Amino acid sequence: MTTFLKIRRDLRRGHFKLTIHARERMDDRSIFEGDIINVGLSCFDQFYSKKHESYNFTGYALDERVVTVACDYDNETLIITMFLEGD
């Protein structure tokens, strides 16, 4: 299974951990765990960022805002952060 498929599967299932920094960004941007799961379900773009060394998935939050979730694994734990398109 490719890394993109594995990460998207984990996003859809809610199998991820949020760092303190990610929780703070979520609060700042009014993004909830359900929004992150929906990005995994509605993903319309995915790419690897060499600059940030992360796998990025762009999709829709539950309120239809466009959100990008940046992901990578730390051992078997999926670590994520997110940002709104246009930030």
Protein backbone atom coordinates (compact mmCIF):
# COMPACT_ATOMS: atom_id res chain seq x y z
CA MET A 1 0.00 0.00 0.00
CA THR A 2 1.42 3.40 -0.93
CA THR A 3 1.97 6.01 1.76
CA PHE A 4 -0.73 8.24 0.24
CA LEU A 5 -3.32 5.44 0.41
CA LYS A 6 -2.32 4.50 3.95
CA ILE A 7 -2.54 8.09 5.20
CA ARG A 8 -5.87 8.73 3.46
CA ARG A 9 -7.27 5.53 5.03
CA ASP A 10 -6.09 6.66 8.47
CA LEU A 11 -7.55 10.15 7.97
CA ARG A 12 -10.95 8.72 6.97
CA ARG A 13 -10.97 6.43 10.01
CA GLY A 14 -9.83 9.13 12.43
CA HIS A 15 -6.63 7.22 13.20
CA PHE A 16 -4.33 10.15 13.88
CA LYS A 17 -2.79 12.07 16.75
CA LEU A 18 -2.87 15.81 17.19
CA THR A 19 0.12 17.62 18.62
CA ILE A 20 -0.40 20.54 21.00
CA HIS A 21 0.56 22.83 18.12
CA ALA A 22 -2.05 21.20 15.84
CA ARG A 23 -4.77 21.60 18.50
CA GLU A 24 -3.85 25.28 18.85
CA ARG A 25 -4.06 25.75 15.06
CA MET A 26 -7.42 23.95 15.04
CA ASP A 27 -8.73 26.34 17.69
CA ASP A 28 -7.37 29.36 15.78
CA ARG A 29 -9.01 28.18 12.54
CA SER A 30 -12.23 26.66 13.94
CA ILE A 31 -11.34 23.26 12.52
CA PHE A 32 -12.61 20.13 14.26
CA GLU A 33 -11.65 16.45 14.07
CA GLY A 34 -14.75 15.81 11.95
CA ASP A 35 -13.44 18.34 9.43
CA ILE A 36 -10.13 16.47 9.20
CA ILE A 37 -11.91 13.17 8.67
CA ASN A 38 -14.02 14.82 5.95
CA VAL A 39 -10.84 16.00 4.18
CA GLY A 40 -9.84 12.33 3.99
CA LEU A 41 -13.24 11.49 2.53
CA SER A 42 -13.49 14.42 0.10
CA CYS A 43 -9.82 14.72 -0.88
CA PHE A 44 -9.45 16.21 -4.36
CA ASP A 45 -5.68 16.87 -4.31
CA GLN A 46 -2.71 15.17 -2.70
CA PHE A 47 0.97 15.93 -2.98
CA TYR A 48 4.28 15.53 -1.18
CA SER A 49 5.92 18.74 0.07
CA LYS A 50 9.70 18.39 -0.08
CA LYS A 51 10.06 21.71 1.75
CA HIS A 52 8.06 20.51 4.77
CA GLU A 53 8.67 16.79 4.29
CA SER A 54 4.95 16.06 4.58
CA TYR A 55 2.17 14.37 2.66
CA ASN A 56 -0.57 16.91 2.02
CA PHE A 57 -4.25 16.26 1.37
CA THR A 58 -6.67 18.97 0.29
CA GLY A 59 -10.40 18.50 0.66
CA TYR A 60 -13.48 19.98 2.25
CA ALA A 61 -14.30 20.64 5.88
CA LEU A 62 -17.85 19.80 6.94
CA ASP A 63 -18.85 23.43 6.28
CA GLU A 64 -17.28 23.20 2.77
CA ARG A 65 -14.19 25.32 3.50
CA VAL A 66 -11.13 24.07 1.64
CA VAL A 67 -8.62 22.63 4.10
CA THR A 68 -5.19 21.09 3.58
CA VAL A 69 -4.01 18.50 6.09
CA ALA A 70 -0.24 17.98 6.27
CA CYS A 71 0.70 14.51 7.50
CA ASP A 72 3.60 12.25 8.28
CA TYR A 73 4.19 9.17 10.35
CA ASP A 74 6.25 9.02 13.52
CA ASN A 75 6.78 5.27 13.63
CA GLU A 76 3.19 4.02 13.16
CA THR A 77 1.49 7.14 14.55
CA LEU A 78 0.07 9.57 12.00
CA ILE A 79 0.86 13.14 13.04
CA ILE A 80 -1.04 15.97 11.36
CA THR A 81 -1.46 19.70 11.17
CA MET A 82 -3.81 21.65 8.95
CA PHE A 83 -4.39 25.00 7.33
CA LEU A 84 -7.13 26.75 5.42
CA GLU A 85 -6.43 27.47 1.78
CA GLY A 86 -5.53 31.12 1.49
CA ASP A 87 -3.82 31.30 4.93
